[in-house]
């Protein structure tokens, strides 16, 4: 083959290879940009769902305490005056609450947190009032968005029923949850020009869309593809073309754990790819320049390689920044990723809250501390992957047996140590629960060659207080349960011990 022809073929092959590689790399970068955005939107949806869940829980706790006080003290003028003193403090402490009102059995307002109280207000026609009058349960009821008759603002009514001494319907305690509270919070997140955040009921009724669209509050979205085909799952991500504006968005949704709502975070796909397009155009133009330069002057090849190396460094730096953002969003979540239980942060918050409630209401509070026996040996023998799976299986048993009520909380305290917080539970009941957990884990019969029992077992420490004093600290409960756990392990493991009490041998 003539040298000239060989040179033409060689240059053509090199140029074709370069163009092919550049196009493949650009497409890979596109996939990576989309994947990173899905991870980011999923983390954001999870964080916002936890925020909404905690915000509703704070209001629910206030309603629960008010119902207990009213059912205890009654609705005499003196008692209502004390309630009014409490109500006036609530909006300042909980910015999501617009007002808290108490209505009698006929829907007439008895007392309100608003300074300009209207004695003529009657809410007997409201859906939540009619619901409580017809249902004897005392669970919190979250109503559909309504416009406040006093302020004209959109609110979500959270309410609880209270009864007369004979158990008959006595009235309703209602909190007006300000929907603008979520709007103000969502403004902190950069979702781009095409992005949107939505909070909706599981029934398909919209609570809020940010940025706000006229008529979005209270809108029925059951026919929307996101809700119809995907949002009935607890969490997930999907790319869909919007039926409203035709924009393709990356949607990530997450349901609240305690309340019947879910959050959807949508990012415009075109916006996500804006940076990729800019980079892709630069890369393609660079490759074309490289091809032309290669055909004209060989030394241009080195310059183009340096240019591409610089662009790759920028990509790595951008990827690192995206990972840092993802990590900060993940820290907002309050769930242990391995076991699915609550994490240490959520446990600490719950312990402090339940301890304050126990002090205020002079109620019992119990704590169970669980440690997997010979778990280090288990990891050494079977490997850390098997150890992780063992933790997940044990966590499931603990959650099913120990987290039976709304206030109960099973949390991964650290390593192979798991705690169970039990409000309104005394020592004997806590022991029964602990033994149910211990026997349930033995029943799994997970083989453990490093344990003298031949299977995976647990040691359990229990501490409880019947009515903690105002000077007591929640850390004392942890300390007592830890000491009881140490006693159980010192006695031979696979048994339960109560803090400060000698007990007969337990085990298989």
Protein backbone atom coordinates (compact mmCIF):
# COMPACT_ATOMS: atom_id res chain seq x y z
CA UNK A 1 0.00 0.00 0.00
CA UNK A 2 1.40 3.42 -0.90
CA UNK A 3 2.61 5.49 2.01
CA UNK A 4 0.19 8.29 1.19
CA UNK A 5 -2.77 5.90 1.18
CA UNK A 6 -1.59 4.24 4.37
CA UNK A 7 -1.28 7.67 6.02
CA UNK A 8 -4.82 8.63 4.89
CA UNK A 9 -6.26 5.34 6.20
CA UNK A 10 -4.34 5.65 9.48
CA UNK A 11 -5.43 9.26 10.07
CA UNK A 12 -9.02 8.39 9.14
CA UNK A 13 -9.03 5.46 11.61
CA UNK A 14 -7.52 7.61 14.36
CA UNK A 15 -10.06 10.40 13.76
CA UNK A 16 -12.96 7.93 13.67
CA UNK A 17 -11.76 6.31 16.90
CA UNK A 18 -11.42 9.68 18.60
CA UNK A 19 -14.92 10.78 17.56
CA UNK A 20 -16.42 7.46 18.65
CA UNK A 21 -14.73 7.59 22.03
CA UNK A 22 -15.79 11.19 22.59
CA UNK A 23 -19.42 10.48 21.74
CA UNK A 24 -19.43 7.43 24.04
CA UNK A 25 -17.91 9.45 26.88
CA UNK A 26 -20.42 12.26 26.38
CA UNK A 27 -23.29 9.75 26.54
CA UNK A 28 -21.83 8.19 29.70
CA UNK A 29 -21.61 11.65 31.27
CA UNK A 30 -25.24 12.22 30.38
CA UNK A 31 -26.25 8.99 32.15
CA UNK A 32 -24.14 9.94 35.15
CA UNK A 33 -25.71 13.42 35.36
CA UNK A 34 -29.21 11.88 35.30
CA UNK A 35 -28.30 9.25 37.88
CA UNK A 36 -26.79 11.82 40.23
CA UNK A 37 -29.92 13.98 39.92
CA UNK A 38 -32.15 11.00 40.76
CA UNK A 39 -30.06 10.33 43.87
CA UNK A 40 -30.23 14.02 44.81
CA UNK A 41 -34.01 14.24 44.32
CA UNK A 42 -34.54 10.98 46.24
CA UNK A 43 -32.51 12.25 49.18
CA UNK A 44 -34.38 15.57 49.05
CA UNK A 45 -37.77 13.78 49.02
CA UNK A 46 -36.71 11.66 51.98
CA UNK A 47 -35.53 14.71 53.92
CA UNK A 48 -38.73 16.65 53.16
CA UNK A 49 -40.90 13.67 54.12
CA UNK A 50 -39.11 13.43 57.47
CA UNK A 51 -39.55 17.19 57.94
CA UNK A 52 -43.29 16.99 57.24
CA UNK A 53 -43.65 13.90 59.44
CA UNK A 54 -41.92 15.64 62.35
CA UNK A 55 -43.88 18.88 61.81
CA UNK A 56 -47.21 17.05 61.98
CA UNK A 57 -46.00 15.02 64.98
CA UNK A 58 -45.20 18.21 66.92
CA UNK A 59 -48.74 19.49 66.35
CA UNK A 60 -50.26 16.08 67.12
CA UNK A 61 -48.38 15.98 70.43
CA UNK A 62 -49.82 19.39 71.39
CA UNK A 63 -53.36 18.21 70.57
CA UNK A 64 -52.87 15.01 72.54
CA UNK A 65 -51.75 16.93 75.62
CA UNK A 66 -54.63 19.41 75.32
CA UNK A 67 -57.21 16.61 75.08
CA UNK A 68 -55.77 14.97 78.19
CA UNK A 69 -55.91 18.28 80.09
CA UNK A 70 -59.49 19.10 79.00
CA UNK A 71 -60.79 15.60 79.79
CA UNK A 72 -59.09 15.83 83.18
CA UNK A 73 -60.05 19.42 84.15
CA UNK A 74 -63.33 19.81 82.26
CA UNK A 75 -64.61 22.91 80.45
CA UNK A 76 -65.50 25.10 83.39
CA UNK A 77 -64.56 28.79 82.98
CA UNK A 78 -61.59 28.51 85.31
CA UNK A 79 -60.30 25.43 83.50
CA UNK A 80 -60.77 27.09 80.10
CA UNK A 81 -58.87 30.15 81.34
CA UNK A 82 -55.89 27.92 82.12
CA UNK A 83 -56.20 26.30 78.68
CA UNK A 84 -56.27 29.75 77.06
CA UNK A 85 -53.00 30.58 78.79
CA UNK A 86 -51.43 27.49 77.23
CA UNK A 87 -52.90 28.13 73.78
CA UNK A 88 -51.50 31.62 73.47
CA UNK A 89 -47.96 30.23 73.80
CA UNK A 90 -48.28 27.51 71.16
CA UNK A 91 -48.05 29.55 67.88
CA UNK A 92 -44.84 31.19 69.10
CA UNK A 93 -43.27 27.82 69.86
CA UNK A 94 -44.58 26.04 66.75
CA UNK A 95 -44.50 28.35 63.71
CA UNK A 96 -46.45 25.84 61.62
CA UNK A 97 -49.56 26.42 63.75
CA UNK A 98 -51.79 29.36 62.77
CA UNK A 99 -54.21 28.78 65.62
CA UNK A 100 -55.45 26.17 68.09
CA UNK A 101 -59.16 26.14 68.92
CA UNK A 102 -61.43 24.18 71.25
CA UNK A 103 -65.08 23.56 70.26
CA UNK A 104 -67.90 22.12 72.34
CA UNK A 105 -70.18 19.27 71.28
CA UNK A 106 -72.34 21.70 69.22
CA UNK A 107 -69.39 23.21 67.34
CA UNK A 108 -69.29 26.47 69.32
CA UNK A 109 -65.84 27.84 70.08
CA UNK A 110 -64.89 27.57 73.74
CA UNK A 111 -61.36 28.95 73.60
CA UNK A 112 -58.77 29.89 70.97
CA UNK A 113 -55.08 30.74 70.75
CA UNK A 114 -55.90 33.82 68.64
CA UNK A 115 -56.00 37.04 70.63
CA UNK A 116 -59.06 38.35 68.77
CA UNK A 117 -61.35 35.45 69.65
CA UNK A 118 -64.77 35.44 67.98
CA UNK A 119 -67.32 33.96 70.35
CA UNK A 120 -69.80 33.51 67.47
CA UNK A 121 -67.58 31.07 65.55
CA UNK A 122 -69.26 27.71 64.97
CA UNK A 123 -67.44 24.98 63.04
CA UNK A 124 -69.98 22.18 63.37
CA UNK A 125 -70.22 22.06 59.56
CA UNK A 126 -66.50 21.38 59.10
CA UNK A 127 -65.57 17.90 57.89
CA UNK A 128 -63.26 17.18 60.81
CA UNK A 129 -65.93 18.12 63.39
CA UNK A 130 -68.50 15.86 61.76
CA UNK A 131 -65.90 13.09 61.57
CA UNK A 132 -65.17 13.17 65.30
CA UNK A 133 -68.83 13.40 66.20
CA UNK A 134 -69.45 10.20 64.20
CA UNK A 135 -66.32 8.27 65.25
CA UNK A 136 -65.48 7.27 68.81
CA UNK A 137 -61.76 6.75 68.23
CA UNK A 138 -59.32 9.23 69.74
CA UNK A 139 -56.73 9.21 66.96
CA UNK A 140 -55.62 12.41 65.29
CA UNK A 141 -57.57 13.30 62.16
CA UNK A 142 -55.88 15.21 59.33
CA UNK A 143 -58.49 16.96 57.22
CA UNK A 144 -58.29 18.19 53.64
CA UNK A 145 -57.02 21.76 53.05
CA UNK A 146 -59.57 24.50 53.83
CA UNK A 147 -59.55 28.28 53.95
CA UNK A 148 -59.68 29.67 57.47
CA UNK A 149 -62.89 31.58 58.13
CA UNK A 150 -61.02 34.09 60.25
CA UNK A 151 -57.85 34.71 58.23
CA UNK A 152 -58.75 33.49 54.75
CA UNK A 153 -55.46 31.56 54.58
CA UNK A 154 -55.21 27.93 53.49
CA UNK A 155 -54.69 25.56 56.41
CA UNK A 156 -54.68 21.83 57.11
CA UNK A 157 -56.91 21.03 60.08
CA UNK A 158 -55.44 18.55 62.59
CA UNK A 159 -57.94 17.57 65.25
CA UNK A 160 -58.67 15.22 68.12
CA UNK A 161 -61.91 14.37 69.90
CA UNK A 162 -62.44 14.75 73.65
CA UNK A 163 -65.25 13.15 75.66
CA UNK A 164 -67.42 13.70 78.70
CA UNK A 165 -66.78 11.59 81.76
CA UNK A 166 -69.40 9.08 80.55
CA UNK A 167 -67.55 8.63 77.24
CA UNK A 168 -69.98 10.65 75.13
CA UNK A 169 -68.82 13.21 72.60
CA UNK A 170 -67.83 16.49 74.29
CA UNK A 171 -66.10 18.42 71.53
CA UNK A 172 -63.01 18.82 69.37
CA UNK A 173 -59.54 20.32 69.75
CA UNK A 174 -58.38 21.59 66.36
CA UNK A 175 -55.08 23.05 65.13
CA UNK A 176 -54.91 25.06 61.90
CA UNK A 177 -51.63 23.97 60.26
CA UNK A 178 -50.42 26.86 58.08
CA UNK A 179 -49.70 25.55 54.56
CA UNK A 180 -47.38 28.53 53.95
CA UNK A 181 -45.06 26.94 56.53
CA UNK A 182 -44.13 24.29 53.95
CA UNK A 183 -43.80 26.90 51.18
CA UNK A 184 -41.31 28.88 53.25
CA UNK A 185 -39.31 25.75 53.98
CA UNK A 186 -39.30 24.54 50.36
CA UNK A 187 -37.89 27.90 49.20
CA UNK A 188 -34.59 26.89 50.78
CA UNK A 189 -34.05 24.18 48.17
CA UNK A 190 -32.68 24.88 44.70
CA UNK A 191 -34.87 22.90 42.31
CA UNK A 192 -34.29 25.04 39.20
CA UNK A 193 -36.79 26.85 37.01
CA UNK A 194 -38.58 23.67 35.90
CA UNK A 195 -38.48 21.87 39.26
CA UNK A 196 -41.39 21.39 41.62
CA UNK A 197 -42.08 20.04 45.10
CA UNK A 198 -45.51 18.66 45.96
CA UNK A 199 -47.08 17.51 49.23
CA UNK A 200 -50.25 15.44 48.79
CA UNK A 201 -52.54 13.09 50.65
CA UNK A 202 -52.34 9.37 49.89
CA UNK A 203 -55.91 9.74 48.62
CA UNK A 204 -54.63 11.95 45.78
CA UNK A 205 -55.63 15.39 47.10
CA UNK A 206 -52.92 18.02 46.70
CA UNK A 207 -51.87 19.96 49.81
CA UNK A 208 -49.23 22.18 48.26
CA UNK A 209 -47.19 22.62 45.11
CA UNK A 210 -44.04 24.72 45.10
CA UNK A 211 -43.69 26.90 43.08
CA UNK A 212 -47.35 27.67 43.73
CA UNK A 213 -49.87 27.24 40.90
CA UNK A 214 -53.35 28.73 41.02
CA UNK A 215 -55.88 26.13 42.08
CA UNK A 216 -53.26 23.57 43.13
CA UNK A 217 -54.28 23.45 46.81
CA UNK A 218 -56.98 20.82 47.24
CA UNK A 219 -56.68 19.66 43.62
CA UNK A 220 -57.45 16.00 42.87
CA UNK A 221 -54.35 14.47 41.22
CA UNK A 222 -55.46 10.84 41.20
CA UNK A 223 -55.51 10.88 37.38
CA UNK A 224 -51.91 12.11 37.14
CA UNK A 225 -49.46 9.44 36.03
CA UNK A 226 -47.13 10.00 39.00
CA UNK A 227 -49.92 9.24 41.46
CA UNK A 228 -51.85 6.70 39.37
CA UNK A 229 -48.97 4.41 38.45
CA UNK A 230 -46.20 4.97 40.98
CA UNK A 231 -46.94 6.96 44.13
CA UNK A 232 -48.80 4.10 45.84
CA UNK A 233 -45.37 2.61 46.54
CA UNK A 234 -43.71 3.83 49.75
CA UNK A 235 -40.80 5.42 47.88
CA UNK A 236 -39.32 5.49 44.39
CA UNK A 237 -38.20 7.48 41.36
CA UNK A 238 -39.51 7.72 37.81
CA UNK A 239 -39.07 9.97 34.77
CA UNK A 240 -42.36 11.25 33.32
CA UNK A 241 -43.66 13.85 30.89
CA UNK A 242 -45.89 16.30 32.76
CA UNK A 243 -49.52 16.29 31.63
CA UNK A 244 -49.79 19.99 32.60
CA UNK A 245 -46.92 21.61 30.68
CA UNK A 246 -45.30 18.79 28.70
CA UNK A 247 -41.99 19.14 30.60
CA UNK A 248 -40.06 15.93 31.22
CA UNK A 249 -39.15 15.67 34.90
CA UNK A 250 -37.27 13.30 37.19
CA UNK A 251 -39.76 12.52 39.96
CA UNK A 252 -38.81 11.10 43.37
CA UNK A 253 -41.52 10.43 45.94
CA UNK A 254 -41.45 9.43 49.61
CA UNK A 255 -44.39 8.66 51.89
CA UNK A 256 -44.55 9.92 55.47
CA UNK A 257 -44.08 7.18 58.05
CA UNK A 258 -46.80 8.23 60.50
CA UNK A 259 -49.33 10.19 58.48
CA UNK A 260 -51.26 9.57 55.22
CA UNK A 261 -49.29 11.95 52.96
CA UNK A 262 -46.35 11.81 50.58
CA UNK A 263 -43.78 14.21 49.13
CA UNK A 264 -42.86 14.37 45.44
CA UNK A 265 -39.71 16.17 44.25
CA UNK A 266 -39.48 16.78 40.49
CA UNK A 267 -36.45 18.17 38.65
CA UNK A 268 -36.60 19.29 35.03
CA UNK A 269 -34.57 16.85 32.94
CA UNK A 270 -33.54 19.55 30.46
CA UNK A 271 -32.21 21.69 33.32
CA UNK A 272 -30.34 18.71 34.73
CA UNK A 273 -28.73 18.20 31.32
CA UNK A 274 -27.92 21.90 30.74
CA UNK A 275 -24.45 21.48 32.15
CA UNK A 276 -23.98 18.24 30.27
CA UNK A 277 -24.97 19.89 26.97
CA UNK A 278 -22.42 22.65 27.54
CA UNK A 279 -19.72 20.14 28.32
CA UNK A 280 -20.73 17.86 25.43
CA UNK A 281 -20.60 20.73 22.94
CA UNK A 282 -17.20 21.74 24.22
CA UNK A 283 -15.95 18.15 23.96
CA UNK A 284 -17.31 17.60 20.45
CA UNK A 285 -15.89 20.89 19.24
CA UNK A 286 -12.59 19.95 20.81
CA UNK A 287 -12.65 16.59 19.06
CA UNK A 288 -13.41 18.21 15.69
CA UNK A 289 -10.61 20.69 16.25
CA UNK A 290 -8.36 17.80 17.19
CA UNK A 291 -9.25 15.93 14.00
CA UNK A 292 -8.60 18.99 11.85
CA UNK A 293 -5.38 19.73 13.70
CA UNK A 294 -4.27 16.11 13.34
CA UNK A 295 -4.78 16.33 9.60
CA UNK A 296 -2.79 19.56 9.42
CA UNK A 297 -0.23 19.56 12.22
CA UNK A 298 0.69 16.64 14.53
CA UNK A 299 1.69 18.75 17.49
CA UNK A 300 -1.92 19.95 17.96
CA UNK A 301 -2.77 16.47 19.22
CA UNK A 302 -0.86 17.01 22.49
CA UNK A 303 -2.61 20.33 23.15
CA UNK A 304 -6.04 18.77 22.66
CA UNK A 305 -5.20 15.88 25.02
CA UNK A 306 -4.27 18.41 27.71
CA UNK A 307 -7.54 20.24 27.10
CA UNK A 308 -9.51 17.01 27.51
CA UNK A 309 -7.57 16.13 30.69
CA UNK A 310 -8.51 19.53 32.13
CA UNK A 311 -12.16 18.95 31.25
CA UNK A 312 -12.06 15.53 32.95
CA UNK A 313 -10.63 17.11 36.10
CA UNK A 314 -13.52 19.59 36.15
CA UNK A 315 -15.94 16.67 35.80
CA UNK A 316 -14.35 14.86 38.76
CA UNK A 317 -14.55 18.05 40.86
CA UNK A 318 -18.19 18.57 39.91
CA UNK A 319 -18.92 14.93 40.75
CA UNK A 320 -17.24 15.38 44.13
CA UNK A 321 -19.36 18.45 44.85
CA UNK A 322 -22.50 16.48 43.95
CA UNK A 323 -21.50 13.66 46.30
CA UNK A 324 -20.95 16.17 49.11
CA UNK A 325 -24.45 17.54 48.54
CA UNK A 326 -25.90 14.04 48.59
CA UNK A 327 -24.13 13.29 51.86
CA UNK A 328 -25.50 16.45 53.49
CA UNK A 329 -29.04 15.52 52.39
CA UNK A 330 -28.63 11.97 53.68
CA UNK A 331 -27.65 13.36 57.08
CA UNK A 332 -31.10 14.94 57.29
CA UNK A 333 -32.67 11.50 57.20
CA UNK A 334 -33.25 9.89 60.59
CA UNK A 335 -33.27 6.22 59.61
CA UNK A 336 -30.50 3.66 59.85
CA UNK A 337 -29.83 2.54 56.27
CA UNK A 338 -28.78 -1.02 57.18
CA UNK A 339 -31.55 -2.14 59.53
CA UNK A 340 -34.39 0.21 58.58
CA UNK A 341 -34.73 1.14 62.27
CA UNK A 342 -34.51 4.66 63.62
CA UNK A 343 -30.96 5.94 63.93
CA UNK A 344 -29.20 7.29 67.00
CA UNK A 345 -30.17 10.91 66.32
CA UNK A 346 -33.86 10.06 66.13
CA UNK A 347 -33.60 7.92 69.26
CA UNK A 348 -32.00 10.77 71.25
CA UNK A 349 -34.75 13.17 70.18
CA UNK A 350 -37.50 10.65 70.98
CA UNK A 351 -36.01 9.83 74.39
CA UNK A 352 -35.84 13.50 75.35
CA UNK A 353 -39.40 14.11 74.14
CA UNK A 354 -40.92 11.05 75.84
CA UNK A 355 -39.01 11.80 79.04
CA UNK A 356 -40.47 15.32 79.13
CA UNK A 357 -43.94 13.88 78.52
CA UNK A 358 -43.48 11.28 81.25
CA UNK A 359 -42.41 14.01 83.70
CA UNK A 360 -45.33 16.23 82.70
CA UNK A 361 -47.97 13.48 82.94
CA UNK A 362 -46.31 11.42 85.67
CA UNK A 363 -46.46 8.39 83.41
CA UNK A 364 -44.16 5.39 83.09
CA UNK A 365 -41.27 5.15 80.65
CA UNK A 366 -39.24 2.01 79.90
CA UNK A 367 -36.07 1.37 77.91
CA UNK A 368 -34.80 -1.96 76.58
CA UNK A 369 -31.15 -2.25 75.52
CA UNK A 370 -30.28 -5.26 73.35
CA UNK A 371 -26.85 -6.57 72.40
CA UNK A 372 -26.22 -9.49 70.03
CA UNK A 373 -24.15 -12.13 71.80
CA UNK A 374 -20.71 -12.93 70.36
CA UNK A 375 -21.41 -10.78 67.30
CA UNK A 376 -17.74 -10.06 66.66
CA UNK A 377 -17.11 -13.80 66.44
CA UNK A 378 -20.07 -14.08 64.07
CA UNK A 379 -18.52 -11.48 61.75
CA UNK A 380 -15.10 -13.17 62.01
CA UNK A 381 -16.57 -16.56 61.06
CA UNK A 382 -19.19 -15.68 58.46
CA UNK A 383 -18.03 -12.29 57.18
CA UNK A 384 -19.43 -8.80 57.46
CA UNK A 385 -22.01 -9.29 54.70
CA UNK A 386 -23.53 -12.15 56.67
CA UNK A 387 -23.27 -10.02 59.81
CA UNK A 388 -25.20 -7.21 58.10
CA UNK A 389 -27.91 -9.65 57.01
CA UNK A 390 -28.06 -11.04 60.56
CA UNK A 391 -28.54 -7.50 61.89
CA UNK A 392 -31.35 -6.84 59.39
CA UNK A 393 -33.21 -10.06 60.34
CA UNK A 394 -32.85 -9.39 64.08
CA UNK A 395 -33.92 -5.76 63.62
CA UNK A 396 -37.10 -6.96 61.89
CA UNK A 397 -37.98 -9.23 64.84
CA UNK A 398 -37.29 -6.43 67.32
CA UNK A 399 -39.38 -3.95 65.36
CA UNK A 400 -42.33 -6.35 65.06
CA UNK A 401 -42.28 -7.34 68.73
CA UNK A 402 -41.22 -4.06 70.34
CA UNK A 403 -42.60 -1.28 68.15
CA UNK A 404 -46.29 -2.06 68.38
CA UNK A 405 -47.76 1.37 69.18
CA UNK A 406 -47.41 4.79 67.68
CA UNK A 407 -45.13 6.01 70.48
CA UNK A 408 -42.86 2.94 70.63
CA UNK A 409 -39.49 3.31 68.93
CA UNK A 410 -36.90 0.69 67.98
CA UNK A 411 -33.53 2.25 67.10
CA UNK A 412 -30.05 1.12 66.22
CA UNK A 413 -28.12 2.56 69.15
CA UNK A 414 -24.69 1.67 67.81
CA UNK A 415 -22.93 -1.32 66.22
CA UNK A 416 -24.85 -4.45 67.19
CA UNK A 417 -26.67 -2.67 70.03
CA UNK A 418 -30.38 -1.89 69.57
CA UNK A 419 -32.68 0.02 71.89
CA UNK A 420 -36.47 -0.05 72.29
CA UNK A 421 -38.18 2.99 73.87
CA UNK A 422 -41.57 2.19 75.43
CA UNK A 423 -43.69 5.10 76.72
CA UNK A 424 -46.41 4.29 79.29
CA UNK A 425 -44.91 0.84 79.96
CA UNK A 426 -43.89 -0.39 83.43
CA UNK A 427 -41.07 -2.75 84.35
CA UNK A 428 -43.04 -6.00 84.19
CA UNK A 429 -44.56 -5.19 80.81
CA UNK A 430 -41.16 -4.18 79.48
CA UNK A 431 -39.74 -7.52 80.69
CA UNK A 432 -42.51 -9.39 78.87
CA UNK A 433 -41.72 -7.51 75.67
CA UNK A 434 -37.99 -8.11 76.12
CA UNK A 435 -38.53 -11.83 76.62
CA UNK A 436 -40.80 -11.98 73.57
CA UNK A 437 -37.99 -10.42 71.53
CA UNK A 438 -35.36 -12.72 73.00
CA UNK A 439 -37.41 -15.85 72.35
CA UNK A 440 -38.32 -14.63 68.87
CA UNK A 441 -34.63 -14.29 67.98
CA UNK A 442 -33.83 -17.72 69.39
CA UNK A 443 -36.68 -19.10 67.25
CA UNK A 444 -34.87 -17.86 64.13
CA UNK A 445 -32.20 -20.51 64.82
CA UNK A 446 -29.49 -18.56 63.02
CA UNK A 447 -26.43 -20.78 63.11
CA UNK A 448 -23.52 -19.31 65.11
CA UNK A 449 -20.44 -21.51 65.43
CA UNK A 450 -18.74 -18.98 67.69
CA UNK A 451 -21.46 -19.08 70.37
CA UNK A 452 -21.73 -21.78 73.06
CA UNK A 453 -25.44 -21.90 72.27
CA UNK A 454 -24.78 -22.77 68.61
CA UNK A 455 -27.24 -20.12 67.42
CA UNK A 456 -27.49 -16.34 67.49
CA UNK A 457 -28.84 -15.07 70.83
CA UNK A 458 -29.17 -11.71 72.53
CA UNK A 459 -28.65 -10.23 75.96
CA UNK A 460 -31.18 -7.71 77.22
CA UNK A 461 -31.06 -4.96 79.82
CA UNK A 462 -34.22 -3.25 81.05
CA UNK A 463 -34.83 -0.10 83.05
CA UNK A 464 -38.08 1.73 83.70
CA UNK A 465 -39.40 4.60 85.78
CA UNK A 466 -43.00 4.83 86.95
CA UNK A 467 -43.08 8.65 87.12
CA UNK A 468 -39.76 10.47 86.62
CA UNK A 469 -39.19 13.60 88.67
CA UNK A 470 -38.56 16.98 87.10
CA UNK A 471 -34.92 16.85 88.16
CA UNK A 472 -34.25 13.44 86.60
CA UNK A 473 -32.36 13.09 83.33
CA UNK A 474 -33.12 10.69 80.45
CA UNK A 475 -29.47 9.60 80.50
CA UNK A 476 -30.15 7.83 83.82
CA UNK A 477 -32.55 5.50 82.00
CA UNK A 478 -29.84 4.66 79.45
CA UNK A 479 -27.32 4.13 82.22
CA UNK A 480 -29.63 1.79 84.13
CA UNK A 481 -30.47 -0.27 81.03
CA UNK A 482 -26.76 -0.47 80.17
CA UNK A 483 -25.93 -1.76 83.65
CA UNK A 484 -28.71 -4.34 83.38
CA UNK A 485 -27.39 -5.37 79.97
CA UNK A 486 -23.91 -5.80 81.43
CA UNK A 487 -25.40 -7.94 84.20
CA UNK A 488 -27.18 -10.12 81.62
CA UNK A 489 -23.93 -10.62 79.69
CA UNK A 490 -21.96 -11.31 82.87
CA UNK A 491 -24.52 -13.95 83.89
CA UNK A 492 -23.89 -15.94 80.71
CA UNK A 493 -25.76 -14.03 77.97
CA UNK A 494 -29.03 -15.10 76.29
CA UNK A 495 -31.11 -13.65 79.09
CA UNK A 496 -32.86 -10.51 80.31
CA UNK A 497 -32.03 -8.44 83.37
CA UNK A 498 -33.86 -5.57 85.05
CA UNK A 499 -31.79 -2.69 86.40
CA UNK A 500 -31.16 -2.92 90.13
CA UNK A 501 -32.96 -6.25 90.63
CA UNK A 502 -31.60 -9.77 91.02
CA UNK A 503 -33.43 -12.20 88.80
CA UNK A 504 -33.56 -15.99 88.36
CA UNK A 505 -31.57 -17.52 85.53
CA UNK A 506 -33.16 -17.27 82.11
CA UNK A 507 -32.16 -18.59 78.74
CA UNK A 508 -32.89 -21.41 76.43
